[in-house]
Amino acid sequence: MLQLPVIGLRGARAVLVRVLGAAFILSALAGCTPQAMLLNSLIPDGTTSILLSHLQQEEEGNRKQVAELESRKDWDGLVKLAEKNLAIDRNSANWWLVAGYANSQAGHHQRAIECYGEMVRLAPDEILGWELLAEAYRSAGQPQRAVQTLNNALRVRGDSPGTWVLLGNSYDDLNRPDLAIGAYREAIKLNRESPQAWFGLGRDYARLNRRTEYEQALKTLERLDPKLAKELAALRPAGR
């Protein structure tokens, strides 16, 4: 029988933190670039419990439908279900989350932006909404908007290492490795065990040919995530 966990918003965030490292490794094994991993790290593909955790007050039928549609990767069906429920309650941040996720997975990036924007408007203290909105902007080819969104998120909560990593990735999209390095360093101050932050840091040191710092980042990443370290090793600056 399908087990439907019931946890609150903060509990869902804690679950996301726990699954972040595993999702990152699985994405690397599948051949995804680190830049493409963060959305799946925030809500890993197949992690039905994350969506359901935001629907704990919903009737069992709706929750089962979400689980079934997500397991089949029926994103258009999940969009329709979310829109059906939003027609009943347009002020449900949780259904806007489901709608944004489904649209993002379906490749409807502009609609995902609109949905996550509504989630942020209705639940501005929930950092997950800001992060997903930023990733939707990145997927839509709007990295400057992603930077603006993440800077706003950091005003809400500046102690989220994942938000700093996303900011670093967005600065990299803008070809600003100097600013990206600063963001990755902030992430590492908050969590020295973040492989995403060390990878981003090492990658930008390689871009700037800062070989000593690159080697230090690579050494740390070899301890934290050997598979990801191999990807960083392939970026070793010229002259070594």
Protein backbone atom coordinates (compact mmCIF):
# COMPACT_ATOMS: atom_id res chain seq x y z
CA MET A 1 0.00 0.00 0.00
CA LEU A 2 1.21 3.50 -0.82
CA GLN A 3 2.39 5.31 2.30
CA LEU A 4 1.54 9.01 2.27
CA PRO A 5 3.72 10.89 4.77
CA VAL A 6 2.25 13.84 6.63
CA ILE A 7 4.72 16.55 7.55
CA GLY A 8 4.61 20.34 7.59
CA LEU A 9 6.40 22.88 5.44
CA ARG A 10 9.45 23.01 7.67
CA GLY A 11 9.46 19.23 7.84
CA ALA A 12 9.42 19.08 4.06
CA ARG A 13 12.41 21.39 3.96
CA ALA A 14 14.27 19.05 6.31
CA VAL A 15 13.47 16.12 4.03
CA LEU A 16 14.85 18.06 1.08
CA VAL A 17 18.10 18.68 2.92
CA ARG A 18 18.46 14.96 3.64
CA VAL A 19 17.82 13.90 0.03
CA LEU A 20 20.00 16.63 -1.51
CA GLY A 21 23.25 14.68 -1.46
CA ALA A 22 21.72 11.46 -2.77
CA ALA A 23 19.93 13.22 -5.60
CA PHE A 24 23.14 14.99 -6.57
CA ILE A 25 25.06 11.71 -6.83
CA LEU A 26 22.29 9.99 -8.80
CA SER A 27 22.18 12.89 -11.24
CA ALA A 28 25.94 12.73 -11.70
CA LEU A 29 25.77 9.02 -12.42
CA ALA A 30 23.07 9.68 -14.99
CA GLY A 31 25.36 12.11 -16.81
CA CYS A 32 23.62 15.36 -15.85
CA THR A 33 25.79 18.44 -15.62
CA PRO A 34 26.03 19.96 -12.13
CA GLN A 35 24.26 23.06 -13.46
CA ALA A 36 21.24 20.91 -14.33
CA MET A 37 21.11 19.06 -11.00
CA LEU A 38 19.83 21.72 -8.65
CA LEU A 39 16.15 21.60 -9.52
CA ASN A 40 16.10 17.84 -9.13
CA SER A 41 17.99 18.31 -5.87
CA LEU A 42 15.33 20.69 -4.60
CA ILE A 43 12.51 18.35 -5.59
CA PRO A 44 14.17 15.14 -6.81
CA ASP A 45 12.43 13.44 -9.71
CA GLY A 46 10.36 10.65 -8.19
CA THR A 47 10.36 12.05 -4.65
CA THR A 48 6.61 11.94 -4.33
CA SER A 49 6.75 12.53 -0.57
CA ILE A 50 7.99 16.08 -1.10
CA LEU A 51 4.92 17.06 -3.09
CA LEU A 52 2.61 15.18 -0.76
CA SER A 53 4.13 16.84 2.28
CA HIS A 54 2.73 20.14 1.03
CA LEU A 55 -0.73 18.61 0.63
CA GLN A 56 -1.22 17.09 4.07
CA GLN A 57 -4.59 18.79 4.48
CA GLU A 58 -5.88 17.53 1.15
CA GLU A 59 -8.34 14.69 0.76
CA GLU A 60 -6.84 11.25 0.27
CA GLY A 61 -8.09 11.03 -3.31
CA ASN A 62 -6.14 14.10 -4.38
CA ARG A 63 -2.99 12.90 -2.66
CA LYS A 64 -3.21 9.50 -4.34
CA GLN A 65 -3.70 11.16 -7.72
CA VAL A 66 -0.59 13.28 -7.19
CA ALA A 67 1.41 10.19 -6.29
CA GLU A 68 0.16 8.22 -9.28
CA LEU A 69 0.65 11.00 -11.81
CA GLU A 70 4.12 11.79 -10.51
CA SER A 71 5.15 8.13 -10.55
CA ARG A 72 4.03 7.87 -14.20
CA LYS A 73 5.70 11.20 -15.03
CA ASP A 74 2.38 12.35 -16.42
CA TRP A 75 3.24 16.02 -16.10
CA ASP A 76 0.34 17.29 -18.20
CA GLY A 77 -2.03 15.25 -16.07
CA LEU A 78 -0.46 16.69 -12.92
CA VAL A 79 -0.82 20.20 -14.34
CA LYS A 80 -4.53 19.58 -14.96
CA LEU A 81 -5.01 18.25 -11.43
CA ALA A 82 -3.26 21.28 -9.93
CA GLU A 83 -5.26 23.70 -12.08
CA LYS A 84 -8.48 21.95 -11.09
CA ASN A 85 -7.70 22.50 -7.43
CA LEU A 86 -6.49 26.04 -8.00
CA ALA A 87 -9.83 26.82 -9.62
CA ILE A 88 -11.33 26.02 -6.23
CA ASP A 89 -8.70 27.85 -4.15
CA ARG A 90 -6.39 30.31 -5.91
CA ASN A 91 -4.72 31.10 -2.59
CA SER A 92 -3.24 27.64 -2.08
CA ALA A 93 0.54 28.03 -2.13
CA ASN A 94 0.84 24.26 -2.03
CA TRP A 95 -1.12 23.67 -5.24
CA TRP A 96 0.89 26.45 -6.91
CA LEU A 97 3.98 24.42 -5.93
CA VAL A 98 2.56 21.30 -7.57
CA ALA A 99 1.57 23.28 -10.66
CA GLY A 100 5.00 24.87 -10.91
CA TYR A 101 6.78 21.55 -10.52
CA ALA A 102 4.60 19.81 -13.12
CA ASN A 103 4.98 22.65 -15.62
CA SER A 104 8.74 22.74 -15.07
CA GLN A 105 9.04 19.00 -15.67
CA ALA A 106 6.88 19.35 -18.80
CA GLY A 107 9.18 22.06 -20.14
CA HIS A 108 6.61 24.84 -19.75
CA HIS A 109 9.12 27.19 -18.17
CA GLN A 110 7.21 30.46 -18.43
CA ARG A 111 4.15 28.91 -16.84
CA ALA A 112 6.35 27.40 -14.12
CA ILE A 113 7.67 30.90 -13.42
CA GLU A 114 4.12 32.18 -13.02
CA CYS A 115 3.18 29.33 -10.69
CA TYR A 116 6.24 29.63 -8.47
CA GLY A 117 5.74 33.39 -8.43
CA GLU A 118 2.30 32.83 -6.95
CA MET A 119 3.75 30.44 -4.40
CA VAL A 120 6.28 33.08 -3.34
CA ARG A 121 3.58 35.75 -3.13
CA LEU A 122 1.41 33.57 -0.92
CA ALA A 123 4.22 32.06 1.19
CA PRO A 124 7.11 34.55 1.12
CA ASP A 125 8.83 33.02 4.13
CA GLU A 126 9.15 29.59 2.47
CA ILE A 127 12.65 29.62 0.94
CA LEU A 128 11.88 26.64 -1.32
CA GLY A 129 9.51 28.75 -3.40
CA TRP A 130 12.17 31.37 -4.05
CA GLU A 131 14.72 28.72 -5.04
CA LEU A 132 12.35 26.99 -7.42
CA LEU A 133 11.35 30.30 -8.96
CA ALA A 134 14.99 31.13 -9.55
CA GLU A 135 15.63 27.76 -11.18
CA ALA A 136 12.60 28.28 -13.42
CA TYR A 137 14.09 31.61 -14.56
CA ARG A 138 17.38 29.84 -15.30
CA SER A 139 15.60 27.16 -17.31
CA ALA A 140 13.83 29.91 -19.26
CA GLY A 141 17.18 31.53 -20.09
CA GLN A 142 16.72 34.48 -17.73
CA PRO A 143 19.70 34.23 -15.36
CA GLN A 144 19.58 37.90 -14.37
CA ARG A 145 16.05 37.42 -13.06
CA ALA A 146 17.29 34.34 -11.22
CA VAL A 147 20.00 36.42 -9.54
CA GLN A 148 17.45 39.04 -8.49
CA THR A 149 15.14 36.34 -7.12
CA LEU A 150 17.89 34.66 -5.12
CA ASN A 151 19.12 37.94 -3.68
CA ASN A 152 15.54 38.55 -2.52
CA ALA A 153 15.48 35.05 -1.07
CA LEU A 154 18.65 35.74 0.89
CA ARG A 155 16.99 38.78 2.44
CA VAL A 156 14.34 36.40 3.74
CA ARG A 157 16.86 33.83 4.91
CA GLY A 158 20.58 34.38 4.52
CA ASP A 159 21.68 31.14 6.18
CA SER A 160 20.61 28.75 3.42
CA PRO A 161 23.70 27.22 1.76
CA GLY A 162 21.61 25.85 -1.09
CA THR A 163 20.42 29.34 -1.99
CA TRP A 164 24.01 30.57 -2.15
CA VAL A 165 24.91 27.66 -4.46
CA LEU A 166 22.03 28.52 -6.75
CA LEU A 167 23.18 32.14 -6.76
CA GLY A 168 26.67 31.03 -7.73
CA ASN A 169 25.26 28.96 -10.58
CA SER A 170 23.22 31.92 -11.78
CA TYR A 171 26.27 34.18 -11.77
CA ASP A 172 28.06 31.51 -13.79
CA ASP A 173 25.19 31.66 -16.30
CA LEU A 174 26.00 35.36 -16.64
CA ASN A 175 29.70 34.57 -17.11
CA ARG A 176 30.59 36.26 -13.84
CA PRO A 177 32.89 33.72 -12.14
CA ASP A 178 34.20 36.43 -9.83
CA LEU A 179 30.75 36.93 -8.32
CA ALA A 180 30.00 33.21 -8.43
CA ILE A 181 33.09 32.48 -6.32
CA GLY A 182 31.84 34.84 -3.64
CA ALA A 183 28.48 33.04 -3.54
CA TYR A 184 30.07 29.59 -3.36
CA ARG A 185 32.32 30.75 -0.53
CA GLU A 186 29.27 31.93 1.41
CA ALA A 187 27.69 28.50 0.89
CA ILE A 188 30.83 26.82 2.21
CA LYS A 189 30.89 29.06 5.28
CA LEU A 190 27.44 27.68 6.10
CA ASN A 191 28.14 24.09 5.09
CA ARG A 192 31.73 23.00 4.52
CA GLU A 193 30.49 19.59 3.36
CA SER A 194 28.56 20.87 0.33
CA PRO A 195 29.89 19.10 -2.79
CA GLN A 196 27.88 21.42 -5.04
CA ALA A 197 29.59 24.47 -3.58
CA TRP A 198 33.07 22.97 -3.82
CA PHE A 199 32.45 21.88 -7.41
CA GLY A 200 31.28 25.37 -8.40
CA LEU A 201 34.20 26.95 -6.61
CA GLY A 202 36.73 24.66 -8.27
CA ARG A 203 35.17 25.12 -11.68
CA ASP A 204 35.45 28.89 -11.45
CA TYR A 205 39.00 28.75 -10.14
CA ALA A 206 39.79 26.66 -13.23
CA ARG A 207 38.12 29.23 -15.48
CA LEU A 208 40.23 31.98 -13.93
CA ASN A 209 43.37 29.80 -14.04
CA ARG A 210 43.79 30.07 -10.28
CA ARG A 211 45.54 26.73 -10.11
CA THR A 212 46.51 26.56 -6.44
CA GLU A 213 42.97 27.30 -5.27
CA TYR A 214 41.57 24.91 -7.87
CA GLU A 215 43.74 22.09 -6.53
CA GLN A 216 42.60 22.81 -2.98
CA ALA A 217 38.95 22.66 -4.05
CA LEU A 218 39.58 19.43 -5.97
CA LYS A 219 41.26 17.82 -2.98
CA THR A 220 38.29 18.65 -0.77
CA LEU A 221 35.82 17.38 -3.35
CA GLU A 222 37.72 14.10 -3.69
CA ARG A 223 36.90 13.49 -0.03
CA LEU A 224 33.27 14.61 -0.26
CA ASP A 225 32.23 13.15 -3.61
CA PRO A 226 34.84 11.19 -5.61
CA LYS A 227 32.60 10.82 -8.66
CA LEU A 228 31.95 14.53 -8.89
CA ALA A 229 35.64 15.18 -8.27
CA LYS A 230 36.39 13.30 -11.50
CA GLU A 231 34.27 15.82 -13.39
CA LEU A 232 36.14 18.67 -11.77
CA ALA A 233 39.49 16.99 -12.53
CA ALA A 234 38.58 17.10 -16.23
CA LEU A 235 38.51 20.90 -15.95
CA ARG A 236 42.08 21.19 -14.61
CA PRO A 237 43.65 24.50 -15.77
CA ALA A 238 46.31 24.43 -18.48
CA GLY A 239 49.92 24.14 -17.33
CA ARG A 240 49.38 21.29 -14.84
